[in-house]
Amino acid sequence: MEAAVADEALGESSLGLSLSAADGAAVLALVNYPGTSAVVLDDDVGLDTRAAKNIIAARDGADGLELTNDDRLFASIAALDVVPYVGDLAFERLVKFAKAHPAPAEVRVENVSFAGWQAETAVWGANQAPAGTLNGLLDNRAAANLIAGRPYTSVAQIGAVALIGPSALQALRGQSRPWWRAMRNAPVEPQVPATLAGTFDGVAFDEATATKALRLANDSAREVMVANGVPAAPAAAIVGNRPYVSVAQIAAVAGVGTATMLALHRWAAGGPAADPVAELQATLAPLTEGLWMPSETDASFAFVSSRNIGGAAIDEALIRATLTAQHDALLPTVMWVDADQVPLASKTQVEVRDGAAFFNHIIAGADENDPDSLARAARFAALRDALGAKLTDFKVIRFGRISISTFIVGRTADGSIAGLLTGQVET
C-alpha cells in the first residue's frame, strides 16, 4: 500500500527494537494471532503489501496455512524485524493497530489455559458443535448440560456449567484447530501423502495396517475405540480432530502418544481387543487389597460387574436387575451381616451419591496427626482416581438403613456396569 515510500526506507528499523515491553508484546500477539492475515496487515494495518505477505509467509511456513505443524510464530520483535520490508513505518502502524484492535488475550478457567484464539474456538464449538460431536468428547451428562446452556460468550461461562471441569475444558481446547477451520471456513490441511506407512510415536505401521488404522480413526465412535484398547482421553481427541488423511496426523493430535498408537496398531492389525471390565478388575485388585471401608464395622471390597447395559441409566433399578445375585453371594464375604439382612431385595432404603464426592468425604476425615490415617486417605484417593479414570456415570448407590450395602460403580467403555461392592454399618 505504500508505493510512494522507497524500498530502502521500508527496511529501515530503529523504532522496532526500541519498543516498550507492552507495545512489543501487543505487536507479537497481533502478528502471531491466526486471524491476522496478509489482507488484514495490508488493508487494515496499512503495511506495504510485500511486508504483509512476508510476515504471514514467515509465520505460516511452507504450506501457507495457519495452525499447522510447520508454523513458526515470532518469538521476539527482533525476529519480526528481520522480515523483508518490515521497518520503522511498519512497526509504527503495527503498534497503533495493536493498541486499537488487540489480539484476543489468553484465558485461564479451572487452571486450564486457552490462547486467545483457542478461547474463541471453544466458545464457537460449545455453541455450534452438534450433540454427537460433544458426546464424543465429553461425558454425556456434561455434553447435555453444555447444550442446554447455549449460547455462551466466554470460556468462563462454559466452565460454570455443571460437570464441565478441567478435563472437559481440556477436551474442548483439544478441538481448537479443526474448530478454527470450521469457524472460518478455512481450507483443510495438508495433502494426502504418497504412502501411509511409517513410524509414528515409535510405532511402525506397514501400508496395510496404516490404511486400516486411518479408516478406524476416521469412522469409529469413541466408545468403539475405547472398547478396542484406545485410551479414553486420546480416543475423544481423535474423534474431535477428524478427518485425517495420514497416520502422521493422528499421531500429531494433542494427547496421542505411544500407548495410543500401539493400541491403534494392535486393533488395525487384528490383535485382541482390550476388555475394559477385566482391565478395571486388574487395576482395582491391588488398590483394595487390605483396605477397609470406614464405618462401625470392618468391610472389605469385592469386584462386581454386568455386561451389555448400553446406555441404561445406572440407578437403583439397574443395580437390582443386574447385580442382585452377585450382591447376595458376595456381601457375607466383605462384612459380617445377619443372614436375614443379606438379600438385596430386603433393603428398601436407597441413597445415591456422586462417586468422587463420596471418596472426598472419606479422605477429608483423615487425622493429620496420624500417619496411618493419612496413608489410608492416600489409598482412598488412588482408588477414587482409578475409578474416575476408567468409568463414566461414576456413582455410589447405598441400600439399607443400618446394615448398608454400598455399590461403587460406573459404566465401562464397552457398555458394562462394573465396580466394587462393600458394606457399612451406621446406627
Protein backbone atom coordinates (compact mmCIF):
# COMPACT_ATOMS: atom_id res chain seq x y z
CA MET A 1 0.00 0.00 0.00
CA GLU A 2 2.99 2.33 0.36
CA ALA A 3 4.15 2.62 -3.26
CA ALA A 4 5.36 6.18 -2.68
CA VAL A 5 7.79 5.05 0.03
CA ALA A 6 11.23 3.99 -1.15
CA ASP A 7 12.14 0.33 -0.61
CA GLU A 8 15.18 1.39 1.38
CA ALA A 9 13.04 3.41 3.78
CA LEU A 10 10.69 0.47 4.27
CA GLY A 11 13.57 -1.63 5.56
CA GLU A 12 14.99 0.95 7.96
CA SER A 13 14.41 -0.06 11.56
CA SER A 14 15.32 1.57 14.82
CA LEU A 15 11.86 2.04 16.30
CA GLY A 16 11.06 -1.68 16.35
CA LEU A 17 13.98 -2.60 18.56
CA SER A 18 13.24 0.23 20.99
CA LEU A 19 9.58 -0.59 21.59
CA SER A 20 8.38 -0.85 25.18
CA ALA A 21 7.73 -4.34 26.51
CA ALA A 22 3.98 -3.72 26.42
CA ASP A 23 3.99 -2.43 22.84
CA GLY A 24 6.25 -5.24 21.70
CA ALA A 25 4.01 -7.86 23.31
CA ALA A 26 0.93 -6.33 21.66
CA VAL A 27 2.59 -6.39 18.23
CA LEU A 28 3.75 -10.00 18.63
CA ALA A 29 0.27 -11.05 19.78
CA LEU A 30 -1.19 -9.37 16.69
CA VAL A 31 1.11 -10.95 14.10
CA ASN A 32 1.00 -14.39 15.79
CA TYR A 33 -2.79 -14.41 16.07
CA PRO A 34 -4.02 -16.86 13.37
CA GLY A 35 -6.82 -14.49 12.41
CA THR A 36 -4.29 -11.90 11.30
CA SER A 37 -3.89 -12.47 7.57
CA ALA A 38 -1.86 -10.72 4.90
CA VAL A 39 -5.05 -8.95 3.84
CA VAL A 40 -5.55 -7.62 7.39
CA LEU A 41 -1.95 -6.42 7.58
CA ASP A 42 -2.21 -4.83 4.13
CA ASP A 43 -5.70 -3.31 4.12
CA ASP A 44 -6.40 -2.70 7.81
CA VAL A 45 -3.00 -2.12 9.38
CA GLY A 46 -1.67 -0.31 6.33
CA LEU A 47 1.59 -2.19 5.79
CA ASP A 48 3.36 -2.39 2.47
CA THR A 49 1.86 -5.36 0.61
CA ARG A 50 5.22 -7.08 0.48
CA ALA A 51 5.77 -6.68 4.22
CA ALA A 52 2.30 -8.07 4.93
CA LYS A 53 2.83 -11.11 2.72
CA ASN A 54 6.32 -11.75 4.07
CA ILE A 55 5.16 -11.65 7.69
CA ILE A 56 2.43 -14.20 7.11
CA ALA A 57 4.65 -16.38 4.92
CA ALA A 58 7.29 -16.49 7.66
CA ARG A 59 4.69 -17.30 10.31
CA ASP A 60 2.70 -19.94 8.41
CA GLY A 61 5.58 -21.94 6.94
CA ALA A 62 5.85 -23.82 3.68
CA ASP A 63 2.24 -25.00 3.49
CA GLY A 64 0.89 -21.44 3.70
CA LEU A 65 -1.73 -22.40 6.29
CA GLU A 66 -2.07 -21.09 9.81
CA LEU A 67 -2.15 -23.50 12.77
CA THR A 68 -0.25 -26.34 11.11
CA ASN A 69 2.84 -28.16 12.26
CA ASP A 70 5.28 -26.09 10.20
CA ASP A 71 4.21 -22.73 11.70
CA ARG A 72 6.97 -20.55 13.16
CA LEU A 73 5.49 -17.95 15.46
CA PHE A 74 7.52 -14.83 16.12
CA ALA A 75 9.22 -15.16 19.49
CA SER A 76 10.64 -11.64 19.59
CA ILE A 77 10.49 -8.24 17.93
CA ALA A 78 13.99 -8.92 16.62
CA ALA A 79 12.67 -11.96 14.73
CA LEU A 80 9.92 -9.81 13.20
CA ASP A 81 12.37 -7.02 12.40
CA VAL A 82 14.41 -9.21 10.02
CA VAL A 83 11.41 -9.88 7.77
CA PRO A 84 11.97 -8.08 4.46
CA TYR A 85 10.22 -4.70 4.16
CA VAL A 86 9.41 -4.57 7.88
CA GLY A 87 10.92 -1.39 9.26
CA ASP A 88 10.06 1.64 11.36
CA LEU A 89 7.00 2.53 9.30
CA ALA A 90 5.64 -1.00 9.68
CA PHE A 91 6.28 -1.05 13.43
CA GLU A 92 4.65 2.35 13.87
CA ARG A 93 1.49 1.12 12.18
CA LEU A 94 1.56 -2.28 13.89
CA VAL A 95 1.76 -0.64 17.32
CA LYS A 96 -1.09 1.75 16.52
CA PHE A 97 -3.33 -1.03 15.22
CA ALA A 98 -2.46 -3.47 18.02
CA LYS A 99 -3.43 -0.88 20.63
CA ALA A 100 -6.73 -0.12 18.92
CA HIS A 101 -7.52 -3.74 17.98
CA PRO A 102 -5.65 -6.04 20.39
CA ALA A 103 -5.48 -9.73 19.60
CA PRO A 104 -7.66 -11.92 21.85
CA ALA A 105 -5.92 -12.44 25.19
CA GLU A 106 -5.10 -15.71 26.94
CA VAL A 107 -7.88 -17.03 29.18
CA ARG A 108 -7.50 -19.34 32.19
CA VAL A 109 -10.52 -21.23 33.58
CA GLU A 110 -10.31 -24.05 36.14
CA ASN A 111 -6.49 -23.84 35.76
CA VAL A 112 -6.81 -24.67 32.05
CA SER A 113 -5.13 -22.09 29.82
CA PHE A 114 -6.58 -21.10 26.45
CA ALA A 115 -4.71 -18.96 23.96
CA GLY A 116 -6.96 -16.16 22.74
CA TRP A 117 -7.82 -17.94 19.51
CA GLN A 118 -8.43 -21.20 21.40
CA ALA A 119 -10.93 -19.42 23.65
CA GLU A 120 -12.74 -18.22 20.52
CA THR A 121 -12.95 -21.75 19.15
CA ALA A 122 -14.08 -23.21 22.48
CA VAL A 123 -17.00 -20.74 22.60
CA TRP A 124 -17.80 -21.43 18.94
CA GLY A 125 -17.70 -25.20 19.47
CA ALA A 126 -19.78 -25.07 22.65
CA ASN A 127 -22.41 -23.09 20.73
CA GLN A 128 -22.26 -24.80 17.35
CA ALA A 129 -20.94 -28.35 17.65
CA PRO A 130 -23.66 -31.00 17.22
CA ALA A 131 -24.64 -33.24 20.13
CA GLY A 132 -22.90 -36.23 18.56
CA THR A 133 -19.57 -34.41 18.49
CA LEU A 134 -19.85 -33.18 22.07
CA ASN A 135 -20.91 -36.65 23.28
CA GLY A 136 -17.77 -37.99 21.63
CA LEU A 137 -15.64 -35.53 23.57
CA LEU A 138 -17.31 -35.29 26.96
CA ASP A 139 -19.27 -37.29 29.48
CA ASN A 140 -22.79 -37.50 28.05
CA ARG A 141 -24.23 -35.62 31.03
CA ALA A 142 -21.69 -32.83 30.65
CA ALA A 143 -22.45 -32.61 26.93
CA ALA A 144 -26.20 -32.42 27.64
CA ASN A 145 -25.66 -29.67 30.21
CA LEU A 146 -23.45 -27.75 27.79
CA ILE A 147 -26.04 -27.93 25.01
CA ALA A 148 -28.85 -26.90 27.38
CA GLY A 149 -26.98 -23.76 28.42
CA ARG A 150 -26.36 -22.38 24.94
CA PRO A 151 -25.42 -19.76 23.86
CA TYR A 152 -22.12 -18.79 25.52
CA THR A 153 -19.97 -15.71 25.11
CA SER A 154 -16.91 -16.76 27.12
CA VAL A 155 -14.96 -19.77 28.32
CA ALA A 156 -15.74 -18.67 31.88
CA GLN A 157 -19.44 -19.24 31.18
CA ILE A 158 -18.66 -22.68 29.80
CA GLY A 159 -16.59 -23.52 32.89
CA ALA A 160 -19.54 -22.63 35.12
CA VAL A 161 -21.74 -25.34 33.54
CA ALA A 162 -22.41 -28.34 35.78
CA LEU A 163 -19.96 -31.23 35.16
CA ILE A 164 -17.72 -29.07 32.96
CA GLY A 165 -14.41 -29.26 34.81
CA PRO A 166 -10.72 -29.24 33.85
CA SER A 167 -10.84 -32.45 31.82
CA ALA A 168 -13.85 -31.27 29.81
CA LEU A 169 -12.23 -27.88 29.21
CA GLN A 170 -9.05 -29.60 28.04
CA ALA A 171 -11.13 -31.72 25.66
CA LEU A 172 -12.76 -28.59 24.23
CA ARG A 173 -9.38 -26.91 23.88
CA GLY A 174 -8.13 -30.00 22.06
CA GLN A 175 -10.56 -29.24 19.22
CA SER A 176 -9.09 -25.78 18.63
CA ARG A 177 -7.56 -26.40 15.22
CA PRO A 178 -10.46 -28.19 13.49
CA TRP A 179 -12.99 -25.82 15.05
CA TRP A 180 -10.95 -22.82 13.94
CA ARG A 181 -11.09 -24.04 10.36
CA ALA A 182 -14.80 -24.82 10.61
CA MET A 183 -15.47 -21.43 12.22
CA ARG A 184 -13.66 -19.56 9.45
CA ASN A 185 -14.40 -21.96 6.56
CA ALA A 186 -10.63 -22.31 6.18
CA PRO A 187 -9.02 -24.92 3.92
CA VAL A 188 -8.16 -28.25 5.47
CA GLU A 189 -4.56 -29.34 5.90
CA PRO A 190 -2.43 -30.96 4.30
CA GLN A 191 -2.49 -33.12 1.11
CA VAL A 192 -2.76 -36.90 1.03
CA PRO A 193 0.74 -38.43 1.33
CA ALA A 194 2.11 -40.83 -1.27
CA THR A 195 2.42 -43.56 1.36
CA LEU A 196 0.76 -44.07 4.71
CA ALA A 197 3.40 -46.39 6.13
CA GLY A 198 5.94 -45.12 8.62
CA THR A 199 6.91 -44.95 12.27
CA PHE A 200 4.76 -42.73 14.47
CA ASP A 201 5.48 -42.13 18.16
CA GLY A 202 7.87 -45.06 17.95
CA VAL A 203 5.29 -47.49 16.49
CA ALA A 204 5.94 -48.86 12.98
CA PHE A 205 2.97 -49.23 10.60
CA ASP A 206 3.17 -51.03 7.28
CA GLU A 207 0.97 -49.82 4.44
CA ALA A 208 -1.92 -52.24 5.09
CA THR A 209 -2.02 -51.62 8.84
CA ALA A 210 -1.71 -47.85 8.37
CA THR A 211 -4.56 -47.85 5.84
CA LYS A 212 -6.86 -49.71 8.23
CA ALA A 213 -5.77 -47.59 11.20
CA LEU A 214 -6.64 -44.45 9.24
CA ARG A 215 -10.10 -45.79 8.43
CA LEU A 216 -10.71 -46.79 12.05
CA ALA A 217 -9.64 -43.37 13.32
CA ASN A 218 -11.93 -41.59 10.85
CA ASP A 219 -15.00 -43.82 11.16
CA SER A 220 -15.17 -45.34 14.66
CA ALA A 221 -17.16 -43.95 17.57
CA ARG A 222 -15.23 -43.07 20.73
CA GLU A 223 -16.83 -45.96 22.62
CA VAL A 224 -15.74 -48.42 19.92
CA MET A 225 -12.19 -47.10 20.06
CA VAL A 226 -12.03 -47.45 23.83
CA ALA A 227 -13.52 -50.94 23.68
CA ASN A 228 -10.67 -51.85 21.33
CA GLY A 229 -7.96 -50.63 23.64
CA VAL A 230 -7.51 -46.95 22.73
CA PRO A 231 -7.30 -44.88 25.96
CA ALA A 232 -10.43 -42.82 26.61
CA ALA A 233 -8.98 -39.29 26.54
CA PRO A 234 -6.94 -39.76 23.33
CA ALA A 235 -9.93 -41.51 21.73
CA ALA A 236 -12.05 -38.41 22.38
CA ALA A 237 -9.31 -36.21 20.95
CA ILE A 238 -9.05 -38.39 17.84
CA VAL A 239 -12.81 -38.12 17.27
CA GLY A 240 -12.78 -34.37 17.77
CA ASN A 241 -9.96 -33.69 15.30
CA ARG A 242 -11.33 -35.65 12.34
CA PRO A 243 -10.92 -36.10 9.43
CA TYR A 244 -7.40 -37.42 8.83
CA VAL A 245 -5.55 -38.14 5.60
CA SER A 246 -2.49 -39.73 7.21
CA VAL A 247 -1.47 -41.67 10.30
CA ALA A 248 1.02 -38.87 10.98
CA GLN A 249 -1.92 -36.53 11.53
CA ILE A 250 -3.40 -38.91 14.10
CA ALA A 251 -0.09 -39.10 15.95
CA ALA A 252 0.10 -35.28 15.97
CA VAL A 253 -3.18 -34.89 17.90
CA ALA A 254 -2.65 -33.49 21.38
CA GLY A 255 -2.76 -36.31 23.95
CA VAL A 256 -1.96 -39.07 21.46
CA GLY A 257 1.29 -40.86 22.25
CA THR A 258 3.00 -44.21 22.09
CA ALA A 259 0.33 -46.07 24.12
CA THR A 260 -2.42 -44.81 21.83
CA MET A 261 -0.53 -45.64 18.66
CA LEU A 262 0.28 -49.11 19.99
CA ALA A 263 -3.40 -49.72 20.71
CA LEU A 264 -4.41 -48.41 17.29
CA HIS A 265 -1.78 -50.60 15.61
CA ARG A 266 -2.92 -53.71 17.51
CA TRP A 267 -6.53 -53.01 16.63
CA ALA A 268 -5.80 -52.36 12.96
CA ALA A 269 -3.58 -55.43 12.74
CA GLY A 270 -6.37 -57.64 14.08
CA GLY A 271 -4.95 -58.17 17.55
CA PRO A 272 -7.18 -58.92 20.53
CA ALA A 273 -9.31 -56.05 21.76
CA ALA A 274 -8.84 -54.89 25.30
CA ASP A 275 -11.52 -55.91 27.80
CA PRO A 276 -12.37 -52.80 29.87
CA VAL A 277 -14.06 -54.86 32.61
CA ALA A 278 -11.08 -57.18 33.03
CA GLU A 279 -8.71 -54.20 32.94
CA LEU A 280 -10.72 -52.44 35.66
CA GLN A 281 -10.72 -55.53 37.84
CA ALA A 282 -6.96 -55.89 37.45
CA THR A 283 -6.46 -52.22 38.29
CA LEU A 284 -8.63 -52.29 41.41
CA ALA A 285 -7.29 -55.53 42.92
CA PRO A 286 -4.03 -54.09 44.33
CA LEU A 287 -5.71 -50.81 45.29
CA THR A 288 -8.29 -52.55 47.50
CA GLU A 289 -6.12 -55.31 48.97
CA GLY A 290 -6.04 -54.84 52.75
CA LEU A 291 -8.18 -51.68 52.53
CA TRP A 292 -11.24 -51.37 54.78
CA MET A 293 -14.28 -49.18 54.32
CA PRO A 294 -14.60 -46.93 57.39
CA SER A 295 -17.80 -47.41 59.39
CA GLU A 296 -18.91 -49.08 62.61
CA THR A 297 -17.72 -52.43 61.23
CA ASP A 298 -14.87 -53.60 59.03
CA ALA A 299 -15.77 -54.20 55.40
CA SER A 300 -13.53 -55.18 52.51
CA PHE A 301 -14.20 -54.80 48.77
CA ALA A 302 -15.40 -57.25 46.12
CA PHE A 303 -15.47 -56.65 42.37
CA VAL A 304 -18.87 -56.75 40.66
CA SER A 305 -19.88 -56.31 37.02
CA SER A 306 -22.57 -56.99 34.46
CA ARG A 307 -22.16 -56.86 30.70
CA ASN A 308 -24.05 -55.04 27.99
CA ILE A 309 -26.06 -52.40 29.81
CA GLY A 310 -25.50 -50.00 26.91
CA GLY A 311 -26.81 -46.54 27.66
CA ALA A 312 -29.11 -47.59 30.51
CA ALA A 313 -29.07 -45.22 33.47
CA ILE A 314 -27.07 -46.52 36.41
CA ASP A 315 -29.63 -46.36 39.19
CA GLU A 316 -31.34 -48.46 41.84
CA ALA A 317 -33.40 -50.39 39.28
CA LEU A 318 -30.36 -51.33 37.20
CA ILE A 319 -28.41 -52.46 40.26
CA ARG A 320 -31.29 -54.68 41.36
CA ALA A 321 -31.76 -56.07 37.86
CA THR A 322 -28.11 -56.85 37.14
CA LEU A 323 -26.18 -57.23 40.40
CA THR A 324 -28.58 -58.78 42.93
CA ALA A 325 -27.20 -62.32 42.59
CA GLN A 326 -23.60 -61.13 42.95
CA HIS A 327 -24.56 -58.99 45.93
CA ASP A 328 -26.28 -61.78 47.79
CA ALA A 329 -23.35 -64.13 47.22
CA LEU A 330 -20.56 -61.63 47.98
CA LEU A 331 -21.92 -59.49 50.81
CA PRO A 332 -21.15 -62.05 53.56
CA THR A 333 -17.56 -62.19 52.27
CA VAL A 334 -16.97 -58.45 52.61
CA MET A 335 -18.62 -57.86 56.01
CA TRP A 336 -20.31 -59.65 58.85
CA VAL A 337 -24.09 -59.46 58.47
CA ASP A 338 -27.10 -61.32 59.83
CA ALA A 339 -28.46 -63.83 57.34
CA ASP A 340 -31.82 -62.09 57.12
CA GLN A 341 -30.08 -58.82 56.16
CA VAL A 342 -28.13 -60.29 53.24
CA PRO A 343 -30.73 -60.24 50.41
CA LEU A 344 -30.65 -57.05 48.39
CA ALA A 345 -34.40 -57.41 47.94
CA SER A 346 -34.85 -56.83 51.68
CA LYS A 347 -33.11 -53.43 51.56
CA THR A 348 -35.70 -50.83 50.62
CA GLN A 349 -33.95 -47.61 51.69
CA VAL A 350 -31.74 -46.30 48.88
CA GLU A 351 -29.31 -43.39 48.69
CA VAL A 352 -27.37 -42.23 45.60
CA ARG A 353 -24.17 -40.18 45.86
CA ASP A 354 -21.62 -38.82 43.43
CA GLY A 355 -18.65 -41.19 43.32
CA ALA A 356 -15.88 -38.63 43.68
CA ALA A 357 -17.72 -36.73 46.43
CA PHE A 358 -18.21 -39.97 48.37
CA PHE A 359 -14.46 -40.61 48.41
CA ASN A 360 -13.63 -36.98 49.07
CA HIS A 361 -15.68 -37.12 52.27
CA ILE A 362 -13.68 -40.14 53.45
CA ILE A 363 -10.37 -38.52 52.52
CA ALA A 364 -11.24 -35.26 54.25
CA GLY A 365 -11.84 -37.16 57.51
CA ALA A 366 -8.20 -38.20 57.81
CA ASP A 367 -6.38 -37.28 61.03
CA GLU A 368 -3.48 -35.01 60.05
CA ASN A 369 -1.56 -36.11 63.12
CA ASP A 370 -1.90 -39.83 62.40
CA PRO A 371 0.42 -41.21 59.69
CA ASP A 372 -1.70 -44.36 59.34
CA SER A 373 -4.81 -42.28 58.81
CA LEU A 374 -3.06 -40.16 56.18
CA ALA A 375 -1.75 -43.25 54.42
CA ARG A 376 -5.25 -44.73 54.35
CA ALA A 377 -6.62 -41.47 52.92
CA ALA A 378 -3.98 -41.60 50.18
CA ARG A 379 -5.10 -45.11 49.27
CA PHE A 380 -8.72 -43.98 49.03
CA ALA A 381 -7.59 -41.08 46.82
CA ALA A 382 -5.80 -43.52 44.50
CA LEU A 383 -8.90 -45.71 44.39
CA ARG A 384 -11.09 -42.71 43.61
CA ASP A 385 -8.81 -41.60 40.79
CA ALA A 386 -8.63 -45.08 39.26
CA LEU A 387 -12.40 -45.49 39.26
CA GLY A 388 -12.95 -41.98 37.93
CA ALA A 389 -10.46 -42.51 35.11
CA LYS A 390 -11.97 -45.77 33.86
CA LEU A 391 -15.70 -45.22 34.48
CA THR A 392 -18.32 -42.79 33.32
CA ASP A 393 -21.51 -42.15 35.29
CA PHE A 394 -19.36 -42.91 38.36
CA LYS A 395 -21.56 -43.04 41.48
CA VAL A 396 -22.22 -44.70 44.82
CA ILE A 397 -25.59 -46.34 45.49
CA ARG A 398 -26.25 -47.49 49.06
CA PHE A 399 -29.00 -49.93 50.01
CA GLY A 400 -30.27 -50.34 53.59
CA ARG A 401 -30.67 -48.32 56.77
CA ILE A 402 -28.27 -49.74 59.39
CA SER A 403 -26.51 -52.61 57.65
CA ILE A 404 -25.78 -50.91 54.34
CA SER A 405 -24.72 -52.48 51.07
CA THR A 406 -22.57 -49.97 49.19
CA PHE A 407 -22.10 -50.23 45.43
CA ILE A 408 -19.31 -48.06 43.94
CA VAL A 409 -19.94 -48.42 40.23
CA GLY A 410 -19.99 -46.81 36.80
CA ARG A 411 -20.06 -47.57 33.10
CA THR A 412 -17.04 -49.06 31.30
CA ALA A 413 -16.13 -48.21 27.74
CA ASP A 414 -17.83 -51.32 26.33
CA GLY A 415 -21.17 -50.53 27.95
CA SER A 416 -20.91 -52.66 31.09
CA ILE A 417 -21.63 -51.76 34.70
CA ALA A 418 -18.65 -52.51 36.93
CA GLY A 419 -17.05 -51.51 40.19
CA LEU A 420 -16.97 -52.52 43.83
CA LEU A 421 -19.29 -53.86 46.49
CA THR A 422 -18.55 -53.08 50.12
CA GLY A 423 -20.57 -52.54 53.27
CA GLN A 424 -21.11 -50.06 56.07
CA VAL A 425 -22.88 -50.12 59.42
CA GLU A 426 -24.40 -46.87 60.63
CA THR A 427 -26.52 -46.72 63.78
